[in-house]
Amino acid sequence: MSDTPIVPRRVMLLEQALRPVYATLVARLDAPPAGTAAVSDMVALLSIHLEAMRAACGRLEARISDVMNDVLANDAAGDAVVQRSAARFAAVVEDLLDGHRDVRVSVVHGDDAQARDLLAGAYRHLLVEIRDWLGEVVEALADPQAVARRRGLALDDPIELELNLRLTPAPQLGALARWARRHPARLGPWEKVALLAIGWWAGSALFGDNDDCG
């Protein structure tokens, strides 16, 4: 008899559904973006995208929880549940990739270029952490024994692997807070509060205190 554990159908389907999400993330992350878009209000661009990143992190946590609880921890999960969970997770990744692209194609002038590049860097920081985690998830779903061996874990049946996503604060957020402080005259009351809160987000609200997602 083979010592290779039988992989449940829901796990195989999830791996098949998430692998193209990972491939898209890898391909798009550093690909040169197409086109350009003139931006006249850098403060508005920052406000929109920082809020988008904050909201995406919340949705990301929910979608990962769906995958872990509704699929991996649910022996009764059918094909539709697997596909729905994977598609919802993929939608969050696509939104982040689209936001990263939109910032990178923005045409700005003077000191605004620094803010644009910092914002793009914050997006990339988040996406790289998702990419690295997702790559390991796909590998673990396809060959849990290989991942367990690499981690030095016992090859028990079933194999238990920790697959939590740990997000760290993007260093660019602190630099964006300093950029905002240099331009107080350009900030309205709401924008001033939102942008000057970036430094606080960098340590807690946006990414948590090194908390797990999932």
N, C-alpha and C. Protein backbone atom coordinates (compact mmCIF):
# COMPACT_ATOMS: atom_id res chain seq x y z
N MET A 1 0.84 -1.21 0.00
CA MET A 1 0.00 0.00 0.00
C MET A 1 0.87 1.24 0.00
N SER A 2 0.39 2.30 -0.61
CA SER A 2 1.15 3.55 -0.68
C SER A 2 1.03 4.30 0.63
N ASP A 3 2.13 4.96 1.03
CA ASP A 3 2.11 5.80 2.23
C ASP A 3 1.59 7.20 1.93
N THR A 4 1.35 7.49 0.66
CA THR A 4 0.87 8.81 0.28
C THR A 4 -0.57 9.00 0.72
N PRO A 5 -0.85 10.03 1.51
CA PRO A 5 -2.22 10.23 1.98
C PRO A 5 -3.15 10.58 0.83
N ILE A 6 -4.41 10.16 0.97
CA ILE A 6 -5.41 10.48 -0.03
C ILE A 6 -5.87 11.92 0.20
N VAL A 7 -5.74 12.73 -0.83
CA VAL A 7 -6.13 14.14 -0.72
C VAL A 7 -7.62 14.26 -1.00
N PRO A 8 -8.39 14.85 -0.09
CA PRO A 8 -9.83 15.00 -0.32
C PRO A 8 -10.11 15.82 -1.58
N ARG A 9 -11.24 15.53 -2.19
CA ARG A 9 -11.61 16.22 -3.43
C ARG A 9 -11.66 17.74 -3.23
N ARG A 10 -12.20 18.19 -2.11
CA ARG A 10 -12.34 19.64 -1.89
C ARG A 10 -10.97 20.30 -1.84
N VAL A 11 -9.96 19.61 -1.32
CA VAL A 11 -8.61 20.16 -1.25
C VAL A 11 -7.99 20.24 -2.64
N MET A 12 -8.20 19.19 -3.43
CA MET A 12 -7.68 19.22 -4.81
C MET A 12 -8.33 20.33 -5.61
N LEU A 13 -9.64 20.49 -5.46
CA LEU A 13 -10.34 21.54 -6.20
C LEU A 13 -9.87 22.92 -5.76
N LEU A 14 -9.64 23.08 -4.47
CA LEU A 14 -9.17 24.38 -3.97
C LEU A 14 -7.79 24.70 -4.53
N GLU A 15 -6.91 23.73 -4.55
CA GLU A 15 -5.58 23.95 -5.13
C GLU A 15 -5.70 24.34 -6.59
N GLN A 16 -6.56 23.67 -7.32
CA GLN A 16 -6.75 23.98 -8.75
C GLN A 16 -7.34 25.37 -8.95
N ALA A 17 -8.17 25.81 -8.02
CA ALA A 17 -8.79 27.13 -8.13
C ALA A 17 -7.84 28.24 -7.72
N LEU A 18 -6.98 27.98 -6.73
CA LEU A 18 -6.09 29.02 -6.23
C LEU A 18 -4.80 29.14 -7.03
N ARG A 19 -4.39 28.08 -7.71
CA ARG A 19 -3.13 28.15 -8.46
C ARG A 19 -3.14 29.25 -9.52
N PRO A 20 -4.22 29.40 -10.32
CA PRO A 20 -4.21 30.50 -11.29
C PRO A 20 -4.27 31.88 -10.64
N VAL A 21 -4.85 31.98 -9.44
CA VAL A 21 -4.84 33.25 -8.71
C VAL A 21 -3.40 33.61 -8.36
N TYR A 22 -2.66 32.62 -7.89
CA TYR A 22 -1.24 32.84 -7.57
C TYR A 22 -0.46 33.21 -8.82
N ALA A 23 -0.71 32.51 -9.92
CA ALA A 23 0.01 32.80 -11.17
C ALA A 23 -0.27 34.22 -11.65
N THR A 24 -1.52 34.64 -11.55
CA THR A 24 -1.87 36.01 -11.95
C THR A 24 -1.18 37.03 -11.06
N LEU A 25 -1.15 36.77 -9.78
CA LEU A 25 -0.50 37.68 -8.83
C LEU A 25 0.98 37.81 -9.14
N VAL A 26 1.64 36.70 -9.39
CA VAL A 26 3.07 36.72 -9.73
C VAL A 26 3.30 37.49 -11.02
N ALA A 27 2.46 37.24 -12.03
CA ALA A 27 2.66 37.86 -13.34
C ALA A 27 2.40 39.36 -13.32
N ARG A 28 1.37 39.78 -12.61
CA ARG A 28 0.97 41.18 -12.65
C ARG A 28 1.75 42.08 -11.70
N LEU A 29 2.31 41.50 -10.66
CA LEU A 29 2.89 42.32 -9.60
C LEU A 29 3.97 43.26 -10.12
N ASP A 30 4.88 42.76 -10.92
CA ASP A 30 5.99 43.58 -11.41
C ASP A 30 5.95 43.83 -12.91
N ALA A 31 4.86 43.42 -13.56
CA ALA A 31 4.74 43.68 -14.99
C ALA A 31 4.56 45.18 -15.23
N PRO A 32 5.20 45.72 -16.26
CA PRO A 32 5.02 47.16 -16.56
C PRO A 32 3.56 47.46 -16.83
N PRO A 33 2.98 48.43 -16.14
CA PRO A 33 1.57 48.74 -16.37
C PRO A 33 1.38 49.45 -17.71
N ALA A 34 0.24 49.22 -18.31
CA ALA A 34 -0.06 49.84 -19.60
C ALA A 34 -0.81 51.15 -19.39
N GLY A 35 -0.44 52.14 -20.21
CA GLY A 35 -1.16 53.40 -20.20
C GLY A 35 -0.69 54.36 -19.12
N THR A 36 -1.31 55.54 -19.13
CA THR A 36 -1.04 56.57 -18.13
C THR A 36 -2.36 57.26 -17.78
N ALA A 37 -2.38 57.90 -16.63
CA ALA A 37 -3.57 58.63 -16.20
C ALA A 37 -3.12 59.87 -15.45
N ALA A 38 -3.48 61.03 -15.95
CA ALA A 38 -3.11 62.29 -15.30
C ALA A 38 -3.88 62.45 -13.99
N VAL A 39 -3.17 62.87 -12.95
CA VAL A 39 -3.79 63.06 -11.64
C VAL A 39 -3.55 64.50 -11.21
N SER A 40 -4.63 65.22 -10.95
CA SER A 40 -4.51 66.63 -10.55
C SER A 40 -4.55 66.82 -9.05
N ASP A 41 -5.05 65.82 -8.33
CA ASP A 41 -5.20 65.94 -6.87
C ASP A 41 -4.59 64.72 -6.21
N MET A 42 -3.33 64.86 -5.80
CA MET A 42 -2.63 63.73 -5.19
C MET A 42 -3.23 63.37 -3.84
N VAL A 43 -3.71 64.37 -3.11
CA VAL A 43 -4.30 64.11 -1.80
C VAL A 43 -5.54 63.23 -1.95
N ALA A 44 -6.37 63.54 -2.95
CA ALA A 44 -7.56 62.72 -3.18
C ALA A 44 -7.18 61.29 -3.56
N LEU A 45 -6.14 61.15 -4.39
CA LEU A 45 -5.68 59.82 -4.79
C LEU A 45 -5.23 59.03 -3.57
N LEU A 46 -4.48 59.68 -2.69
CA LEU A 46 -4.04 59.01 -1.47
C LEU A 46 -5.23 58.58 -0.61
N SER A 47 -6.17 59.46 -0.43
CA SER A 47 -7.33 59.15 0.40
C SER A 47 -8.09 57.95 -0.14
N ILE A 48 -8.31 57.94 -1.46
CA ILE A 48 -9.07 56.86 -2.09
C ILE A 48 -8.36 55.52 -1.92
N HIS A 49 -7.08 55.51 -2.20
CA HIS A 49 -6.36 54.23 -2.21
C HIS A 49 -6.01 53.74 -0.82
N LEU A 50 -5.76 54.63 0.11
CA LEU A 50 -5.51 54.17 1.48
C LEU A 50 -6.78 53.56 2.07
N GLU A 51 -7.91 54.16 1.78
CA GLU A 51 -9.17 53.58 2.23
C GLU A 51 -9.42 52.24 1.54
N ALA A 52 -9.09 52.16 0.24
CA ALA A 52 -9.26 50.91 -0.49
C ALA A 52 -8.40 49.80 0.10
N MET A 53 -7.16 50.13 0.46
CA MET A 53 -6.28 49.13 1.06
C MET A 53 -6.80 48.68 2.42
N ARG A 54 -7.28 49.64 3.21
CA ARG A 54 -7.81 49.29 4.52
C ARG A 54 -9.01 48.36 4.38
N ALA A 55 -9.91 48.70 3.47
CA ALA A 55 -11.10 47.88 3.27
C ALA A 55 -10.73 46.51 2.71
N ALA A 56 -9.76 46.47 1.81
CA ALA A 56 -9.36 45.19 1.21
C ALA A 56 -8.76 44.26 2.25
N CYS A 57 -8.02 44.81 3.21
CA CYS A 57 -7.44 43.96 4.26
C CYS A 57 -8.55 43.32 5.08
N GLY A 58 -9.60 44.07 5.36
CA GLY A 58 -10.72 43.49 6.10
C GLY A 58 -11.42 42.40 5.30
N ARG A 59 -11.63 42.66 4.01
CA ARG A 59 -12.27 41.64 3.17
C ARG A 59 -11.36 40.44 2.98
N LEU A 60 -10.05 40.68 2.92
CA LEU A 60 -9.10 39.58 2.77
C LEU A 60 -9.19 38.63 3.96
N GLU A 61 -9.26 39.19 5.15
CA GLU A 61 -9.37 38.36 6.34
C GLU A 61 -10.64 37.52 6.29
N ALA A 62 -11.75 38.14 5.86
CA ALA A 62 -13.01 37.40 5.78
C ALA A 62 -12.95 36.30 4.74
N ARG A 63 -12.35 36.59 3.59
CA ARG A 63 -12.28 35.58 2.52
C ARG A 63 -11.37 34.41 2.90
N ILE A 64 -10.27 34.71 3.59
CA ILE A 64 -9.38 33.63 4.04
C ILE A 64 -10.10 32.78 5.08
N SER A 65 -10.85 33.42 5.96
CA SER A 65 -11.63 32.68 6.94
C SER A 65 -12.63 31.75 6.25
N ASP A 66 -13.24 32.22 5.17
CA ASP A 66 -14.17 31.38 4.41
C ASP A 66 -13.46 30.15 3.87
N VAL A 67 -12.28 30.35 3.29
CA VAL A 67 -11.53 29.24 2.72
C VAL A 67 -11.18 28.23 3.81
N MET A 68 -10.70 28.71 4.93
CA MET A 68 -10.27 27.81 5.99
C MET A 68 -11.45 27.09 6.64
N ASN A 69 -12.52 27.82 6.92
CA ASN A 69 -13.64 27.23 7.67
C ASN A 69 -14.65 26.53 6.77
N ASP A 70 -15.00 27.15 5.64
CA ASP A 70 -16.04 26.59 4.79
C ASP A 70 -15.53 25.48 3.88
N VAL A 71 -14.21 25.46 3.63
CA VAL A 71 -13.66 24.46 2.72
C VAL A 71 -12.74 23.49 3.46
N LEU A 72 -11.61 23.98 3.95
CA LEU A 72 -10.61 23.07 4.50
C LEU A 72 -11.09 22.37 5.76
N ALA A 73 -11.84 23.06 6.60
CA ALA A 73 -12.30 22.45 7.85
C ALA A 73 -13.68 21.81 7.71
N ASN A 74 -14.21 21.80 6.51
CA ASN A 74 -15.57 21.31 6.29
C ASN A 74 -15.54 20.09 5.38
N ASP A 75 -15.63 18.90 5.98
CA ASP A 75 -15.59 17.67 5.19
C ASP A 75 -16.72 17.57 4.19
N ALA A 76 -17.80 18.29 4.45
CA ALA A 76 -18.98 18.20 3.58
C ALA A 76 -18.99 19.25 2.48
N ALA A 77 -17.92 20.05 2.37
CA ALA A 77 -17.90 21.13 1.36
C ALA A 77 -17.97 20.55 -0.05
N GLY A 78 -18.95 21.01 -0.80
CA GLY A 78 -19.10 20.56 -2.18
C GLY A 78 -18.33 21.45 -3.14
N ASP A 79 -18.37 21.08 -4.42
CA ASP A 79 -17.62 21.81 -5.44
C ASP A 79 -18.01 23.28 -5.49
N ALA A 80 -19.31 23.56 -5.36
CA ALA A 80 -19.78 24.94 -5.46
C ALA A 80 -19.23 25.80 -4.33
N VAL A 81 -19.15 25.23 -3.14
CA VAL A 81 -18.61 25.97 -1.99
C VAL A 81 -17.14 26.29 -2.23
N VAL A 82 -16.39 25.31 -2.74
CA VAL A 82 -14.97 25.53 -3.02
C VAL A 82 -14.79 26.63 -4.05
N GLN A 83 -15.52 26.55 -5.14
CA GLN A 83 -15.36 27.53 -6.21
C GLN A 83 -15.78 28.92 -5.76
N ARG A 84 -16.84 29.00 -4.98
CA ARG A 84 -17.30 30.30 -4.50
C ARG A 84 -16.28 30.93 -3.56
N SER A 85 -15.73 30.13 -2.64
CA SER A 85 -14.75 30.67 -1.71
C SER A 85 -13.50 31.14 -2.42
N ALA A 86 -13.04 30.36 -3.39
CA ALA A 86 -11.84 30.74 -4.14
C ALA A 86 -12.09 31.98 -4.98
N ALA A 87 -13.27 32.08 -5.58
CA ALA A 87 -13.59 33.24 -6.42
C ALA A 87 -13.67 34.52 -5.60
N ARG A 88 -14.22 34.43 -4.41
CA ARG A 88 -14.31 35.62 -3.55
C ARG A 88 -12.93 36.07 -3.08
N PHE A 89 -12.07 35.11 -2.78
CA PHE A 89 -10.71 35.47 -2.42
C PHE A 89 -9.99 36.11 -3.61
N ALA A 90 -10.17 35.52 -4.79
CA ALA A 90 -9.52 36.04 -6.00
C ALA A 90 -9.97 37.47 -6.28
N ALA A 91 -11.22 37.78 -5.99
CA ALA A 91 -11.73 39.13 -6.26
C ALA A 91 -11.00 40.18 -5.43
N VAL A 92 -10.68 39.84 -4.18
CA VAL A 92 -9.94 40.78 -3.34
C VAL A 92 -8.54 41.00 -3.89
N VAL A 93 -7.89 39.92 -4.29
CA VAL A 93 -6.55 40.03 -4.87
C VAL A 93 -6.59 40.88 -6.14
N GLU A 94 -7.59 40.66 -6.98
CA GLU A 94 -7.72 41.46 -8.21
C GLU A 94 -7.92 42.93 -7.89
N ASP A 95 -8.71 43.23 -6.88
CA ASP A 95 -8.92 44.64 -6.51
C ASP A 95 -7.61 45.29 -6.08
N LEU A 96 -6.80 44.57 -5.31
CA LEU A 96 -5.51 45.12 -4.88
C LEU A 96 -4.56 45.28 -6.06
N LEU A 97 -4.54 44.33 -6.96
CA LEU A 97 -3.70 44.45 -8.15
C LEU A 97 -4.14 45.62 -9.02
N ASP A 98 -5.45 45.81 -9.15
CA ASP A 98 -5.96 46.94 -9.93
C ASP A 98 -5.59 48.26 -9.28
N GLY A 99 -5.69 48.33 -7.95
CA GLY A 99 -5.31 49.55 -7.26
C GLY A 99 -3.83 49.85 -7.43
N HIS A 100 -3.00 48.83 -7.32
CA HIS A 100 -1.56 48.99 -7.52
C HIS A 100 -1.27 49.51 -8.93
N ARG A 101 -1.95 48.94 -9.91
CA ARG A 101 -1.77 49.40 -11.30
C ARG A 101 -2.21 50.84 -11.46
N ASP A 102 -3.36 51.19 -10.90
CA ASP A 102 -3.89 52.55 -11.07
C ASP A 102 -2.93 53.58 -10.48
N VAL A 103 -2.31 53.26 -9.36
CA VAL A 103 -1.35 54.19 -8.77
C VAL A 103 -0.10 54.29 -9.63
N ARG A 104 0.39 53.16 -10.12
CA ARG A 104 1.63 53.15 -10.90
C ARG A 104 1.50 53.93 -12.22
N VAL A 105 0.31 53.97 -12.81
CA VAL A 105 0.15 54.67 -14.09
C VAL A 105 -0.17 56.14 -13.89
N SER A 106 -0.32 56.58 -12.64
CA SER A 106 -0.67 57.98 -12.38
C SER A 106 0.48 58.90 -12.76
N VAL A 107 0.15 59.94 -13.48
CA VAL A 107 1.13 60.95 -13.88
C VAL A 107 0.96 62.16 -12.96
N VAL A 108 1.97 62.42 -12.16
CA VAL A 108 1.95 63.55 -11.23
C VAL A 108 3.26 64.32 -11.39
N HIS A 109 3.34 65.45 -10.71
CA HIS A 109 4.50 66.31 -10.90
C HIS A 109 5.07 66.75 -9.55
N GLY A 110 6.35 67.09 -9.58
CA GLY A 110 7.00 67.63 -8.39
C GLY A 110 7.04 66.63 -7.25
N ASP A 111 6.78 67.17 -6.06
CA ASP A 111 6.86 66.36 -4.85
C ASP A 111 5.77 65.29 -4.79
N ASP A 112 4.72 65.44 -5.60
CA ASP A 112 3.65 64.44 -5.62
C ASP A 112 4.16 63.09 -6.10
N ALA A 113 5.23 63.10 -6.90
CA ALA A 113 5.77 61.84 -7.39
C ALA A 113 6.26 60.97 -6.24
N GLN A 114 6.77 61.59 -5.20
CA GLN A 114 7.22 60.81 -4.05
C GLN A 114 6.04 60.11 -3.38
N ALA A 115 4.94 60.85 -3.21
CA ALA A 115 3.77 60.26 -2.58
C ALA A 115 3.21 59.12 -3.43
N ARG A 116 3.17 59.32 -4.74
CA ARG A 116 2.69 58.25 -5.62
C ARG A 116 3.55 57.01 -5.50
N ASP A 117 4.87 57.18 -5.50
CA ASP A 117 5.76 56.02 -5.43
C ASP A 117 5.67 55.33 -4.07
N LEU A 118 5.49 56.11 -3.01
CA LEU A 118 5.33 55.51 -1.69
C LEU A 118 4.02 54.72 -1.62
N LEU A 119 2.97 55.28 -2.21
CA LEU A 119 1.69 54.58 -2.21
C LEU A 119 1.78 53.28 -3.00
N ALA A 120 2.43 53.33 -4.16
CA ALA A 120 2.63 52.12 -4.95
C ALA A 120 3.46 51.10 -4.17
N GLY A 121 4.45 51.60 -3.43
CA GLY A 121 5.27 50.70 -2.62
C GLY A 121 4.48 50.04 -1.51
N ALA A 122 3.54 50.77 -0.91
CA ALA A 122 2.71 50.19 0.15
C ALA A 122 1.82 49.09 -0.42
N TYR A 123 1.26 49.34 -1.60
CA TYR A 123 0.48 48.30 -2.28
C TYR A 123 1.36 47.07 -2.53
N ARG A 124 2.57 47.30 -3.05
CA ARG A 124 3.43 46.18 -3.40
C ARG A 124 3.82 45.39 -2.16
N HIS A 125 4.09 46.08 -1.07
CA HIS A 125 4.44 45.40 0.18
C HIS A 125 3.33 44.42 0.58
N LEU A 126 2.10 44.88 0.53
CA LEU A 126 0.97 44.04 0.88
C LEU A 126 0.83 42.87 -0.10
N LEU A 127 0.95 43.16 -1.39
CA LEU A 127 0.79 42.12 -2.40
C LEU A 127 1.90 41.08 -2.35
N VAL A 128 3.12 41.49 -2.04
CA VAL A 128 4.22 40.53 -1.93
C VAL A 128 3.96 39.57 -0.77
N GLU A 129 3.46 40.08 0.33
CA GLU A 129 3.18 39.20 1.46
C GLU A 129 2.06 38.22 1.12
N ILE A 130 1.05 38.70 0.40
CA ILE A 130 -0.02 37.79 -0.04
C ILE A 130 0.52 36.78 -1.03
N ARG A 131 1.36 37.23 -1.95
CA ARG A 131 1.94 36.32 -2.94
C ARG A 131 2.74 35.20 -2.29
N ASP A 132 3.61 35.56 -1.37
CA ASP A 132 4.46 34.55 -0.74
C ASP A 132 3.62 33.55 0.06
N TRP A 133 2.61 34.07 0.77
CA TRP A 133 1.73 33.18 1.54
C TRP A 133 0.93 32.28 0.62
N LEU A 134 0.36 32.86 -0.44
CA LEU A 134 -0.48 32.08 -1.35
C LEU A 134 0.32 30.99 -2.05
N GLY A 135 1.57 31.30 -2.40
CA GLY A 135 2.41 30.29 -3.01
C GLY A 135 2.60 29.09 -2.10
N GLU A 136 2.78 29.35 -0.82
CA GLU A 136 2.96 28.25 0.12
C GLU A 136 1.65 27.49 0.34
N VAL A 137 0.53 28.21 0.32
CA VAL A 137 -0.77 27.54 0.45
C VAL A 137 -1.00 26.59 -0.72
N VAL A 138 -0.74 27.07 -1.93
CA VAL A 138 -0.93 26.23 -3.11
C VAL A 138 -0.03 25.00 -3.04
N GLU A 139 1.21 25.20 -2.63
CA GLU A 139 2.14 24.08 -2.50
C GLU A 139 1.67 23.10 -1.44
N ALA A 140 1.18 23.62 -0.32
CA ALA A 140 0.72 22.75 0.76
C ALA A 140 -0.50 21.95 0.35
N LEU A 141 -1.39 22.56 -0.42
CA LEU A 141 -2.57 21.84 -0.89
C LEU A 141 -2.20 20.75 -1.89
N ALA A 142 -1.20 21.03 -2.72
CA ALA A 142 -0.78 20.06 -3.73
C ALA A 142 0.06 18.94 -3.14
N ASP A 143 0.94 19.27 -2.19
CA ASP A 143 1.87 18.28 -1.64
C ASP A 143 2.15 18.61 -0.17
N PRO A 144 1.20 18.30 0.71
CA PRO A 144 1.39 18.65 2.12
C PRO A 144 2.60 17.97 2.75
N GLN A 145 2.94 16.77 2.29
CA GLN A 145 4.11 16.08 2.85
C GLN A 145 5.40 16.86 2.59
N ALA A 146 5.54 17.42 1.39
CA ALA A 146 6.75 18.17 1.06
C ALA A 146 6.88 19.40 1.95
N VAL A 147 5.78 20.09 2.18
CA VAL A 147 5.82 21.28 3.03
C VAL A 147 6.12 20.89 4.47
N ALA A 148 5.52 19.79 4.93
CA ALA A 148 5.77 19.33 6.30
C ALA A 148 7.24 18.95 6.48
N ARG A 149 7.81 18.29 5.49
CA ARG A 149 9.23 17.92 5.58
C ARG A 149 10.10 19.17 5.64
N ARG A 150 9.81 20.16 4.81
CA ARG A 150 10.62 21.37 4.79
C ARG A 150 10.55 22.10 6.12
N ARG A 151 9.40 22.02 6.77
CA ARG A 151 9.23 22.69 8.06
C ARG A 151 9.72 21.82 9.22
N GLY A 152 10.13 20.60 8.93
CA GLY A 152 10.60 19.72 9.98
C GLY A 152 9.49 19.17 10.84
N LEU A 153 8.29 19.01 10.27
CA LEU A 153 7.14 18.52 11.03
C LEU A 153 6.97 17.02 10.86
N ALA A 154 6.27 16.43 11.80
CA ALA A 154 5.98 15.00 11.72
C ALA A 154 5.00 14.74 10.58
N LEU A 155 5.21 13.64 9.88
CA LEU A 155 4.34 13.28 8.76
C LEU A 155 3.17 12.45 9.26
N ASP A 156 2.38 13.06 10.11
CA ASP A 156 1.22 12.38 10.66
C ASP A 156 0.10 12.33 9.63
N ASP A 157 -0.87 11.52 9.87
CA ASP A 157 -2.06 11.45 9.02
C ASP A 157 -3.28 11.72 9.89
N PRO A 158 -3.95 12.88 9.78
CA PRO A 158 -3.68 13.88 8.75
C PRO A 158 -2.53 14.82 9.13
N ILE A 159 -1.90 15.39 8.12
CA ILE A 159 -0.83 16.36 8.33
C ILE A 159 -1.46 17.70 8.69
N GLU A 160 -0.98 18.31 9.75
CA GLU A 160 -1.51 19.60 10.16
C GLU A 160 -0.47 20.68 9.89
N LEU A 161 -0.84 21.64 9.05
CA LEU A 161 0.06 22.73 8.67
C LEU A 161 -0.56 24.06 9.05
N GLU A 162 0.24 24.95 9.58
CA GLU A 162 -0.22 26.31 9.85
C GLU A 162 -0.13 27.11 8.55
N LEU A 163 -1.26 27.66 8.14
CA LEU A 163 -1.30 28.39 6.86
C LEU A 163 -1.82 29.81 7.06
N ASN A 164 -1.55 30.39 8.21
CA ASN A 164 -2.03 31.74 8.49
C ASN A 164 -1.24 32.78 7.71
N LEU A 165 -1.95 33.80 7.27
CA LEU A 165 -1.31 34.94 6.60
C LEU A 165 -0.97 35.99 7.65
N ARG A 166 0.29 36.31 7.77
CA ARG A 166 0.74 37.35 8.69
C ARG A 166 1.18 38.57 7.89
N LEU A 167 0.48 39.65 8.08
CA LEU A 167 0.80 40.89 7.38
C LEU A 167 1.61 41.80 8.29
N THR A 168 2.60 42.45 7.72
CA THR A 168 3.42 43.38 8.47
C THR A 168 3.20 44.79 7.95
N PRO A 169 3.40 45.81 8.78
CA PRO A 169 3.17 47.19 8.34
C PRO A 169 4.10 47.57 7.18
N ALA A 170 3.54 48.20 6.18
CA ALA A 170 4.37 48.69 5.07
C ALA A 170 5.16 49.90 5.55
N PRO A 171 6.48 49.90 5.40
CA PRO A 171 7.28 51.04 5.86
C PRO A 171 6.94 52.32 5.11
N GLN A 172 6.37 52.19 3.92
CA GLN A 172 6.03 53.38 3.14
C GLN A 172 4.94 54.21 3.79
N LEU A 173 4.13 53.61 4.67
CA LEU A 173 3.03 54.35 5.27
C LEU A 173 3.53 55.44 6.20
N GLY A 174 4.59 55.15 6.93
CA GLY A 174 5.16 56.18 7.79
C GLY A 174 5.72 57.33 6.98
N ALA A 175 6.36 57.00 5.85
CA ALA A 175 6.89 58.05 4.97
C ALA A 175 5.76 58.88 4.37
N LEU A 176 4.62 58.25 4.08
CA LEU A 176 3.47 58.99 3.56
C LEU A 176 2.92 59.95 4.62
N ALA A 177 2.94 59.53 5.86
CA ALA A 177 2.50 60.43 6.93
C ALA A 177 3.39 61.67 6.98
N ARG A 178 4.70 61.46 6.83
CA ARG A 178 5.62 62.61 6.84
C ARG A 178 5.38 63.49 5.62
N TRP A 179 5.08 62.90 4.48
CA TRP A 179 4.77 63.67 3.27
C TRP A 179 3.54 64.54 3.52
N ALA A 180 2.52 63.96 4.15
CA ALA A 180 1.29 64.70 4.41
C ALA A 180 1.55 65.88 5.34
N ARG A 181 2.41 65.69 6.33
CA ARG A 181 2.71 66.77 7.26
C ARG A 181 3.43 67.93 6.58
N ARG A 182 4.09 67.67 5.47
CA ARG A 182 4.77 68.74 4.74
C ARG A 182 3.81 69.53 3.87
N HIS A 183 2.56 69.08 3.74
CA HIS A 183 1.60 69.74 2.85
C HIS A 183 0.29 70.03 3.58
N PRO A 184 0.33 70.67 4.73
CA PRO A 184 -0.91 70.90 5.50
C PRO A 184 -1.91 71.79 4.77
N ALA A 185 -1.42 72.72 3.96
CA ALA A 185 -2.33 73.65 3.29
C ALA A 185 -3.19 72.95 2.25
N ARG A 186 -2.75 71.77 1.77
CA ARG A 186 -3.48 71.05 0.72
C ARG A 186 -4.52 70.10 1.29
N LEU A 187 -4.56 69.98 2.60
CA LEU A 187 -5.45 69.00 3.21
C LEU A 187 -6.68 69.67 3.79
N GLY A 188 -7.86 69.18 3.38
CA GLY A 188 -9.09 69.62 4.02
C GLY A 188 -9.21 68.97 5.38
N PRO A 189 -10.21 69.34 6.17
CA PRO A 189 -10.34 68.79 7.53
C PRO A 189 -10.39 67.26 7.55
N TRP A 190 -11.24 66.66 6.71
CA TRP A 190 -11.35 65.20 6.73
C TRP A 190 -10.08 64.56 6.20
N GLU A 191 -9.55 65.12 5.11
CA GLU A 191 -8.34 64.54 4.51
C GLU A 191 -7.15 64.64 5.46
N LYS A 192 -7.09 65.75 6.20
CA LYS A 192 -5.98 65.92 7.15
C LYS A 192 -6.02 64.82 8.20
N VAL A 193 -7.21 64.55 8.75
CA VAL A 193 -7.32 63.49 9.75
C VAL A 193 -6.96 62.14 9.14
N ALA A 194 -7.49 61.88 7.94
CA ALA A 194 -7.27 60.57 7.32
C ALA A 194 -5.80 60.34 7.00
N LEU A 195 -5.16 61.33 6.41
CA LEU A 195 -3.78 61.15 5.98
C LEU A 195 -2.82 61.15 7.15
N LEU A 196 -3.05 61.99 8.14
CA LEU A 196 -2.15 62.01 9.28
C LEU A 196 -2.33 60.80 10.19
N ALA A 197 -3.39 60.03 9.93
CA ALA A 197 -3.58 58.77 10.67
C ALA A 197 -2.79 57.63 10.06
N ILE A 198 -2.12 57.89 8.93
CA ILE A 198 -1.37 56.82 8.27
C ILE A 198 -0.36 56.21 9.22
N GLY A 199 0.33 57.05 9.98
CA GLY A 199 1.34 56.54 10.89
C GLY A 199 0.74 55.59 11.91
N TRP A 200 -0.49 55.89 12.37
CA TRP A 200 -1.16 54.99 13.30
C TRP A 200 -1.56 53.70 12.60
N TRP A 201 -2.08 53.83 11.36
CA TRP A 201 -2.42 52.64 10.58
C TRP A 201 -1.20 51.75 10.41
N ALA A 202 -0.06 52.38 10.20
CA ALA A 202 1.15 51.60 9.95
C ALA A 202 1.45 50.68 11.12
N GLY A 203 1.07 51.09 12.33
CA GLY A 203 1.39 50.27 13.49
C GLY A 203 0.26 49.37 13.95
N SER A 204 -1.00 49.69 13.52
CA SER A 204 -2.08 48.90 14.10
C SER A 204 -3.25 48.69 13.15
N ALA A 205 -3.97 49.76 12.81
CA ALA A 205 -5.31 49.57 12.25
C ALA A 205 -5.32 48.86 10.91
N LEU A 206 -4.39 49.21 10.03
CA LEU A 206 -4.45 48.64 8.69
C LEU A 206 -4.07 47.18 8.68
N PHE A 207 -2.99 46.84 9.37
CA PHE A 207 -2.47 45.49 9.30
C PHE A 207 -2.55 44.74 10.61
N GLY A 208 -2.89 45.40 11.70
CA GLY A 208 -2.90 44.73 12.98
C GLY A 208 -1.48 44.63 13.53
N ASP A 209 -1.39 44.25 14.78
CA ASP A 209 -0.09 44.12 15.43
C ASP A 209 0.49 42.75 15.15
N ASN A 210 0.86 42.54 13.86
CA ASN A 210 1.39 41.27 13.42
C ASN A 210 0.39 40.14 13.66
N ASP A 211 -0.89 40.46 13.59
CA ASP A 211 -1.93 39.45 13.76
C ASP A 211 -1.97 38.57 12.52
N ASP A 212 -2.61 37.40 12.69
CA ASP A 212 -2.84 36.50 11.57
C ASP A 212 -4.11 36.92 10.86
N CYS A 213 -4.12 36.68 9.56
CA CYS A 213 -5.35 36.74 8.79
C CYS A 213 -5.67 35.31 8.41
N GLY A 214 -6.79 34.81 8.83
CA GLY A 214 -7.14 33.44 8.50
C GLY A 214 -7.10 32.58 9.72
